[in-house]
């Protein structure tokens, strides 16, 4: 936690480069203690792209499935 008691509750990250078959030990490693992560790998599972939302474990955040499969961009919806 930064000095002064300030901390982030949620952060969105792009260009994660995490594929669908990446083991949790690797894909979840970016979240610091006390935080969870929801990944959205690139739709075509290529080396670049992908997104993640890292959030404090006290928040109730869930992924919402997209009603389409994007082909030219990455997308992730959380509530």
PDB file of N, CA and C in Angstrom:
ATOM      1  N   UNK A   1       0.842  -1.171   0.000  1.00  0.00           N
ATOM      2  CA  UNK A   1       0.000   0.000   0.000  1.00  0.00           C
ATOM      3  C   UNK A   1       0.896   1.247   0.000  1.00  0.00           C
ATOM      4  N   UNK A   2       0.569   2.252  -0.832  1.00  0.00           N
ATOM      5  CA  UNK A   2       1.360   3.473  -0.853  1.00  0.00           C
ATOM      6  C   UNK A   2       1.319   4.181   0.487  1.00  0.00           C
ATOM      7  N   UNK A   3       2.351   4.973   0.773  1.00  0.00           N
ATOM      8  CA  UNK A   3       2.379   5.716   2.021  1.00  0.00           C
ATOM      9  C   UNK A   3       1.217   6.695   2.065  1.00  0.00           C
ATOM     10  N   UNK A   4       0.725   6.977   3.253  1.00  0.00           N
ATOM     11  CA  UNK A   4      -0.399   7.878   3.404  1.00  0.00           C
ATOM     12  C   UNK A   4      -1.737   7.157   3.434  1.00  0.00           C
ATOM     13  N   UNK A   5      -1.752   5.842   3.258  1.00  0.00           N
ATOM     14  CA  UNK A   5      -2.978   5.077   3.350  1.00  0.00           C
ATOM     15  C   UNK A   5      -3.825   5.059   2.085  1.00  0.00           C
ATOM     16  N   UNK A   6      -3.335   5.629   1.008  1.00  0.00           N
ATOM     17  CA  UNK A   6      -4.093   5.602  -0.242  1.00  0.00           C
ATOM     18  C   UNK A   6      -3.824   4.305  -0.981  1.00  0.00           C
ATOM     19  N   UNK A   7      -4.867   3.765  -1.611  1.00  0.00           N
ATOM     20  CA  UNK A   7      -4.685   2.555  -2.416  1.00  0.00           C
ATOM     21  C   UNK A   7      -5.738   2.527  -3.506  1.00  0.00           C
ATOM     22  N   UNK A   8      -5.459   1.796  -4.551  1.00  0.00           N
ATOM     23  CA  UNK A   8      -6.408   1.613  -5.651  1.00  0.00           C
ATOM     24  C   UNK A   8      -7.357   0.475  -5.322  1.00  0.00           C
ATOM     25  N   UNK A   9      -8.619   0.639  -5.692  1.00  0.00           N
ATOM     26  CA  UNK A   9      -9.586  -0.446  -5.545  1.00  0.00           C
ATOM     27  C   UNK A   9      -9.692  -1.261  -6.819  1.00  0.00           C
ATOM     28  N   UNK A  10      -9.504  -0.602  -7.979  1.00  0.00           N
ATOM     29  CA  UNK A  10      -9.672  -1.283  -9.255  1.00  0.00           C
ATOM     30  C   UNK A  10      -8.777  -0.627 -10.301  1.00  0.00           C
ATOM     31  N   UNK A  11      -8.235  -1.453 -11.189  1.00  0.00           N
ATOM     32  CA  UNK A  11      -7.425  -0.952 -12.301  1.00  0.00           C
ATOM     33  C   UNK A  11      -7.656  -1.854 -13.513  1.00  0.00           C
ATOM     34  N   UNK A  12      -7.756  -1.244 -14.683  1.00  0.00           N
ATOM     35  CA  UNK A  12      -7.910  -1.990 -15.933  1.00  0.00           C
ATOM     36  C   UNK A  12      -6.583  -1.948 -16.681  1.00  0.00           C
ATOM     37  N   UNK A  13      -6.199  -3.082 -17.241  1.00  0.00           N
ATOM     38  CA  UNK A  13      -4.912  -3.204 -17.923  1.00  0.00           C
ATOM     39  C   UNK A  13      -5.151  -3.790 -19.312  1.00  0.00           C
ATOM     40  N   UNK A  14      -4.489  -3.239 -20.321  1.00  0.00           N
ATOM     41  CA  UNK A  14      -4.598  -3.803 -21.666  1.00  0.00           C
ATOM     42  C   UNK A  14      -3.244  -4.349 -22.102  1.00  0.00           C
ATOM     43  N   UNK A  15      -3.255  -5.123 -23.188  1.00  0.00           N
ATOM     44  CA  UNK A  15      -2.059  -5.788 -23.708  1.00  0.00           C
ATOM     45  C   UNK A  15      -1.458  -6.736 -22.676  1.00  0.00           C
ATOM     46  N   UNK A  16      -2.313  -7.586 -22.085  1.00  0.00           N
ATOM     47  CA  UNK A  16      -1.859  -8.528 -21.060  1.00  0.00           C
ATOM     48  C   UNK A  16      -1.037  -9.681 -21.624  1.00  0.00           C
ATOM     49  N   UNK A  17      -1.292 -10.058 -22.862  1.00  0.00           N
ATOM     50  CA  UNK A  17      -0.573 -11.161 -23.502  1.00  0.00           C
ATOM     51  C   UNK A  17      -0.729 -12.495 -22.764  1.00  0.00           C
ATOM     52  N   UNK A  18      -1.885 -12.678 -22.148  1.00  0.00           N
ATOM     53  CA  UNK A  18      -2.205 -13.929 -21.460  1.00  0.00           C
ATOM     54  C   UNK A  18      -3.161 -14.705 -22.346  1.00  0.00           C
ATOM     55  N   UNK A  19      -2.811 -15.930 -22.669  1.00  0.00           N
ATOM     56  CA  UNK A  19      -3.648 -16.769 -23.535  1.00  0.00           C
ATOM     57  C   UNK A  19      -4.669 -17.548 -22.709  1.00  0.00           C
ATOM     58  N   UNK A  20      -5.653 -18.143 -23.404  1.00  0.00           N
ATOM     59  CA  UNK A  20      -6.707 -18.911 -22.740  1.00  0.00           C
ATOM     60  C   UNK A  20      -6.148 -20.080 -21.923  1.00  0.00           C
ATOM     61  N   UNK A  21      -5.075 -20.700 -22.389  1.00  0.00           N
ATOM     62  CA  UNK A  21      -4.534 -21.888 -21.718  1.00  0.00           C
ATOM     63  C   UNK A  21      -3.381 -21.582 -20.766  1.00  0.00           C
ATOM     64  N   UNK A  22      -3.151 -20.315 -20.443  1.00  0.00           N
ATOM     65  CA  UNK A  22      -2.084 -19.954 -19.504  1.00  0.00           C
ATOM     66  C   UNK A  22      -2.466 -20.452 -18.104  1.00  0.00           C
ATOM     67  N   UNK A  23      -1.556 -21.154 -17.421  1.00  0.00           N
ATOM     68  CA  UNK A  23      -1.875 -21.647 -16.069  1.00  0.00           C
ATOM     69  C   UNK A  23      -2.174 -20.490 -15.107  1.00  0.00           C
ATOM     70  N   UNK A  24      -3.093 -20.724 -14.154  1.00  0.00           N
ATOM     71  CA  UNK A  24      -3.444 -19.703 -13.167  1.00  0.00           C
ATOM     72  C   UNK A  24      -2.234 -19.189 -12.398  1.00  0.00           C
ATOM     73  N   UNK A  25      -1.266 -20.057 -12.137  1.00  0.00           N
ATOM     74  CA  UNK A  25      -0.075 -19.644 -11.395  1.00  0.00           C
ATOM     75  C   UNK A  25       0.647 -18.493 -12.092  1.00  0.00           C
ATOM     76  N   UNK A  26       0.510 -18.413 -13.399  1.00  0.00           N
ATOM     77  CA  UNK A  26       1.135 -17.335 -14.163  1.00  0.00           C
ATOM     78  C   UNK A  26       0.155 -16.188 -14.379  1.00  0.00           C
ATOM     79  N   UNK A  27      -1.051 -16.500 -14.834  1.00  0.00           N
ATOM     80  CA  UNK A  27      -2.004 -15.444 -15.188  1.00  0.00           C
ATOM     81  C   UNK A  27      -2.509 -14.665 -13.979  1.00  0.00           C
ATOM     82  N   UNK A  28      -2.539 -15.267 -12.814  1.00  0.00           N
ATOM     83  CA  UNK A  28      -3.023 -14.580 -11.618  1.00  0.00           C
ATOM     84  C   UNK A  28      -1.894 -13.915 -10.824  1.00  0.00           C
ATOM     85  N   UNK A  29      -0.663 -14.135 -11.233  1.00  0.00           N
ATOM     86  CA  UNK A  29       0.504 -13.646 -10.488  1.00  0.00           C
ATOM     87  C   UNK A  29       0.599 -12.124 -10.469  1.00  0.00           C
ATOM     88  N   UNK A  30      -0.004 -11.435 -11.424  1.00  0.00           N
ATOM     89  CA  UNK A  30       0.093  -9.984 -11.490  1.00  0.00           C
ATOM     90  C   UNK A  30      -0.706  -9.302 -10.373  1.00  0.00           C
ATOM     91  N   UNK A  31      -1.711  -9.971  -9.829  1.00  0.00           N
ATOM     92  CA  UNK A  31      -2.526  -9.385  -8.768  1.00  0.00           C
ATOM     93  C   UNK A  31      -1.773  -9.420  -7.442  1.00  0.00           C
ATOM     94  N   UNK A  32      -1.632  -8.260  -6.794  1.00  0.00           N
ATOM     95  CA  UNK A  32      -0.943  -8.235  -5.496  1.00  0.00           C
ATOM     96  C   UNK A  32      -1.798  -8.903  -4.414  1.00  0.00           C
ATOM     97  N   UNK A  33      -1.212  -9.198  -3.259  1.00  0.00           N
ATOM     98  CA  UNK A  33      -1.986  -9.802  -2.168  1.00  0.00           C
ATOM     99  C   UNK A  33      -3.201  -8.935  -1.828  1.00  0.00           C
ATOM    100  N   UNK A  34      -4.342  -9.579  -1.639  1.00  0.00           N
ATOM    101  CA  UNK A  34      -5.563  -8.867  -1.297  1.00  0.00           C
ATOM    102  C   UNK A  34      -6.368  -8.430  -2.509  1.00  0.00           C
ATOM    103  N   UNK A  35      -5.905  -8.803  -3.707  1.00  0.00           N
ATOM    104  CA  UNK A  35      -6.589  -8.430  -4.945  1.00  0.00           C
ATOM    105  C   UNK A  35      -6.871  -9.668  -5.770  1.00  0.00           C
ATOM    106  N   UNK A  36      -7.872  -9.564  -6.640  1.00  0.00           N
ATOM    107  CA  UNK A  36      -8.208 -10.637  -7.587  1.00  0.00           C
ATOM    108  C   UNK A  36      -8.111 -10.071  -8.990  1.00  0.00           C
ATOM    109  N   UNK A  37      -8.179 -10.952  -9.981  1.00  0.00           N
ATOM    110  CA  UNK A  37      -8.032 -10.529 -11.368  1.00  0.00           C
ATOM    111  C   UNK A  37      -9.004 -11.301 -12.257  1.00  0.00           C
ATOM    112  N   UNK A  38      -9.568 -10.598 -13.236  1.00  0.00           N
ATOM    113  CA  UNK A  38     -10.397 -11.229 -14.260  1.00  0.00           C
ATOM    114  C   UNK A  38      -9.732 -10.937 -15.600  1.00  0.00           C
ATOM    115  N   UNK A  39      -9.363 -11.990 -16.316  1.00  0.00           N
ATOM    116  CA  UNK A  39      -8.711 -11.861 -17.615  1.00  0.00           C
ATOM    117  C   UNK A  39      -9.713 -11.974 -18.755  1.00  0.00           C
ATOM    118  N   UNK A  40      -9.396 -11.286 -19.848  1.00  0.00           N
ATOM    119  CA  UNK A  40     -10.112 -11.455 -21.115  1.00  0.00           C
ATOM    120  C   UNK A  40      -9.038 -11.597 -22.185  1.00  0.00           C
ATOM    121  N   UNK A  41      -8.571 -12.831 -22.432  1.00  0.00           N
ATOM    122  CA  UNK A  41      -7.541 -13.021 -23.465  1.00  0.00           C
ATOM    123  C   UNK A  41      -8.028 -12.545 -24.824  1.00  0.00           C
ATOM    124  N   UNK A  42      -7.092 -12.257 -25.696  1.00  0.00           N
ATOM    125  CA  UNK A  42      -7.433 -11.842 -27.060  1.00  0.00           C
ATOM    126  C   UNK A  42      -8.344 -12.891 -27.700  1.00  0.00           C
ATOM    127  N   UNK A  43      -9.336 -12.434 -28.452  1.00  0.00           N
ATOM    128  CA  UNK A  43     -10.332 -13.339 -29.041  1.00  0.00           C
ATOM    129  C   UNK A  43      -9.700 -14.420 -29.906  1.00  0.00           C
ATOM    130  N   UNK A  44      -8.652 -14.062 -30.651  1.00  0.00           N
ATOM    131  CA  UNK A  44      -8.019 -15.058 -31.519  1.00  0.00           C
ATOM    132  C   UNK A  44      -6.810 -15.711 -30.857  1.00  0.00           C
ATOM    133  N   UNK A  45      -6.625 -15.438 -29.552  1.00  0.00           N
ATOM    134  CA  UNK A  45      -5.568 -16.062 -28.746  1.00  0.00           C
ATOM    135  C   UNK A  45      -4.165 -15.802 -29.307  1.00  0.00           C
ATOM    136  N   UNK A  46      -3.946 -14.655 -29.936  1.00  0.00           N
ATOM    137  CA  UNK A  46      -2.617 -14.331 -30.444  1.00  0.00           C
ATOM    138  C   UNK A  46      -1.728 -13.826 -29.314  1.00  0.00           C
ATOM    139  N   UNK A  47      -0.458 -13.616 -29.598  1.00  0.00           N
ATOM    140  CA  UNK A  47       0.511 -13.246 -28.566  1.00  0.00           C
ATOM    141  C   UNK A  47       0.250 -11.880 -27.945  1.00  0.00           C
ATOM    142  N   UNK A  48      -0.289 -10.947 -28.694  1.00  0.00           N
ATOM    143  CA  UNK A  48      -0.561  -9.622 -28.151  1.00  0.00           C
ATOM    144  C   UNK A  48      -2.005  -9.517 -27.715  1.00  0.00           C
ATOM    145  N   UNK A  49      -2.353  -8.365 -27.201  1.00  0.00           N
ATOM    146  CA  UNK A  49      -3.733  -8.082 -26.837  1.00  0.00           C
ATOM    147  C   UNK A  49      -4.150  -8.705 -25.524  1.00  0.00           C
ATOM    148  N   UNK A  50      -5.432  -8.712 -25.318  1.00  0.00           N
ATOM    149  CA  UNK A  50      -5.981  -9.211 -24.071  1.00  0.00           C
ATOM    150  C   UNK A  50      -6.083  -8.097 -23.033  1.00  0.00           C
ATOM    151  N   UNK A  51      -6.985  -8.281 -22.098  1.00  0.00           N
ATOM    152  CA  UNK A  51      -7.223  -7.289 -21.067  1.00  0.00           C
ATOM    153  C   UNK A  51      -7.411  -7.962 -19.726  1.00  0.00           C
ATOM    154  N   UNK A  52      -7.308  -7.162 -18.677  1.00  0.00           N
ATOM    155  CA  UNK A  52      -7.554  -7.669 -17.333  1.00  0.00           C
ATOM    156  C   UNK A  52      -8.081  -6.545 -16.463  1.00  0.00           C
ATOM    157  N   UNK A  53      -8.882  -6.918 -15.485  1.00  0.00           N
ATOM    158  CA  UNK A  53      -9.324  -6.004 -14.444  1.00  0.00           C
ATOM    159  C   UNK A  53      -8.803  -6.574 -13.139  1.00  0.00           C
ATOM    160  N   UNK A  54      -8.037  -5.770 -12.429  1.00  0.00           N
ATOM    161  CA  UNK A  54      -7.484  -6.154 -11.129  1.00  0.00           C
ATOM    162  C   UNK A  54      -8.260  -5.358 -10.082  1.00  0.00           C
ATOM    163  N   UNK A  55      -8.785  -6.038  -9.067  1.00  0.00           N
ATOM    164  CA  UNK A  55      -9.635  -5.349  -8.102  1.00  0.00           C
ATOM    165  C   UNK A  55      -9.448  -5.894  -6.695  1.00  0.00           C
ATOM    166  N   UNK A  56      -9.749  -5.042  -5.710  1.00  0.00           N
ATOM    167  CA  UNK A  56      -9.633  -5.424  -4.309  1.00  0.00           C
ATOM    168  C   UNK A  56     -10.603  -6.562  -4.018  1.00  0.00           C
ATOM    169  N   UNK A  57     -10.157  -7.525  -3.234  1.00  0.00           N
ATOM    170  CA  UNK A  57     -10.955  -8.727  -2.977  1.00  0.00           C
ATOM    171  C   UNK A  57     -12.276  -8.435  -2.259  1.00  0.00           C
ATOM    172  N   UNK A  58     -12.424  -7.261  -1.652  1.00  0.00           N
ATOM    173  CA  UNK A  58     -13.675  -6.920  -0.980  1.00  0.00           C
ATOM    174  C   UNK A  58     -14.757  -6.454  -1.948  1.00  0.00           C
ATOM    175  N   UNK A  59     -14.387  -6.186  -3.202  1.00  0.00           N
ATOM    176  CA  UNK A  59     -15.360  -5.749  -4.197  1.00  0.00           C
ATOM    177  C   UNK A  59     -16.034  -6.964  -4.834  1.00  0.00           C
ATOM    178  N   UNK A  60     -17.298  -6.835  -5.140  1.00  0.00           N
ATOM    179  CA  UNK A  60     -18.050  -7.908  -5.783  1.00  0.00           C
ATOM    180  C   UNK A  60     -18.104  -7.603  -7.281  1.00  0.00           C
ATOM    181  N   UNK A  61     -17.132  -8.089  -8.022  1.00  0.00           N
ATOM    182  CA  UNK A  61     -17.014  -7.816  -9.452  1.00  0.00           C
ATOM    183  C   UNK A  61     -17.084  -9.132 -10.212  1.00  0.00           C
ATOM    184  N   UNK A  62     -17.829  -9.120 -11.318  1.00  0.00           N
ATOM    185  CA  UNK A  62     -17.978 -10.325 -12.135  1.00  0.00           C
ATOM    186  C   UNK A  62     -17.865  -9.956 -13.610  1.00  0.00           C
ATOM    187  N   UNK A  63     -17.453 -10.912 -14.395  1.00  0.00           N
ATOM    188  CA  UNK A  63     -17.355 -10.748 -15.838  1.00  0.00           C
ATOM    189  C   UNK A  63     -18.726 -10.957 -16.472  1.00  0.00           C
ATOM    190  N   UNK A  64     -19.022 -10.157 -17.495  1.00  0.00           N
ATOM    191  CA  UNK A  64     -20.270 -10.283 -18.244  1.00  0.00           C
ATOM    192  C   UNK A  64     -19.926 -10.786 -19.642  1.00  0.00           C
ATOM    193  N   UNK A  65     -20.534 -11.883 -20.088  1.00  0.00           N
ATOM    194  CA  UNK A  65     -20.228 -12.385 -21.427  1.00  0.00           C
ATOM    195  C   UNK A  65     -20.662 -11.392 -22.502  1.00  0.00           C
ATOM    196  N   UNK A  66     -19.848 -11.248 -23.510  1.00  0.00           N
ATOM    197  CA  UNK A  66     -20.190 -10.384 -24.636  1.00  0.00           C
ATOM    198  C   UNK A  66     -21.213 -11.081 -25.517  1.00  0.00           C
ATOM    199  N   UNK A  67     -22.149 -10.337 -26.108  1.00  0.00           N
ATOM    200  CA  UNK A  67     -23.137 -10.955 -26.983  1.00  0.00           C
ATOM    201  C   UNK A  67     -22.599 -11.218 -28.397  1.00  0.00           C
ATOM    202  N   UNK A  68     -21.304 -10.988 -28.599  1.00  0.00           N
ATOM    203  CA  UNK A  68     -20.663 -11.197 -29.897  1.00  0.00           C
ATOM    204  C   UNK A  68     -19.194 -11.519 -29.648  1.00  0.00           C
ATOM    205  N   UNK A  69     -18.509 -11.990 -30.675  1.00  0.00           N
ATOM    206  CA  UNK A  69     -17.072 -12.254 -30.577  1.00  0.00           C
ATOM    207  C   UNK A  69     -16.363 -11.213 -31.428  1.00  0.00           C
ATOM    208  N   UNK A  70     -15.661 -10.269 -30.781  1.00  0.00           N
ATOM    209  CA  UNK A  70     -14.973  -9.238 -31.563  1.00  0.00           C
ATOM    210  C   UNK A  70     -13.833  -9.836 -32.374  1.00  0.00           C
ATOM    211  N   UNK A  71     -13.650  -9.335 -33.577  1.00  0.00           N
ATOM    212  CA  UNK A  71     -12.578  -9.858 -34.420  1.00  0.00           C
ATOM    213  C   UNK A  71     -11.485  -8.830 -34.688  1.00  0.00           C
ATOM    214  N   UNK A  72     -11.767  -7.569 -34.486  1.00  0.00           N
ATOM    215  CA  UNK A  72     -10.783  -6.522 -34.772  1.00  0.00           C
ATOM    216  C   UNK A  72     -10.313  -5.776 -33.529  1.00  0.00           C
ATOM    217  N   UNK A  73     -10.842  -6.126 -32.383  1.00  0.00           N
ATOM    218  CA  UNK A  73     -10.460  -5.470 -31.131  1.00  0.00           C
ATOM    219  C   UNK A  73     -10.729  -6.414 -29.984  1.00  0.00           C
ATOM    220  N   UNK A  74     -10.148  -6.097 -28.819  1.00  0.00           N
ATOM    221  CA  UNK A  74     -10.403  -6.860 -27.602  1.00  0.00           C
ATOM    222  C   UNK A  74     -11.422  -6.095 -26.768  1.00  0.00           C
ATOM    223  N   UNK A  75     -12.261  -6.819 -26.052  1.00  0.00           N
ATOM    224  CA  UNK A  75     -13.284  -6.193 -25.219  1.00  0.00           C
ATOM    225  C   UNK A  75     -13.516  -7.015 -23.966  1.00  0.00           C
ATOM    226  N   UNK A  76     -13.856  -6.321 -22.891  1.00  0.00           N
ATOM    227  CA  UNK A  76     -14.159  -6.980 -21.626  1.00  0.00           C
ATOM    228  C   UNK A  76     -15.188  -6.130 -20.885  1.00  0.00           C
ATOM    229  N   UNK A  77     -16.238  -6.775 -20.364  1.00  0.00           N
ATOM    230  CA  UNK A  77     -17.241  -6.079 -19.585  1.00  0.00           C
ATOM    231  C   UNK A  77     -17.269  -6.705 -18.200  1.00  0.00           C
ATOM    232  N   UNK A  78     -17.231  -5.856 -17.180  1.00  0.00           N
ATOM    233  CA  UNK A  78     -17.355  -6.324 -15.787  1.00  0.00           C
ATOM    234  C   UNK A  78     -18.377  -5.451 -15.076  1.00  0.00           C
ATOM    235  N   UNK A  79     -19.046  -6.024 -14.096  1.00  0.00           N
ATOM    236  CA  UNK A  79     -20.011  -5.286 -13.277  1.00  0.00           C
ATOM    237  C   UNK A  79     -19.728  -5.542 -11.822  1.00  0.00           C
TER     238      UNK A  79
END
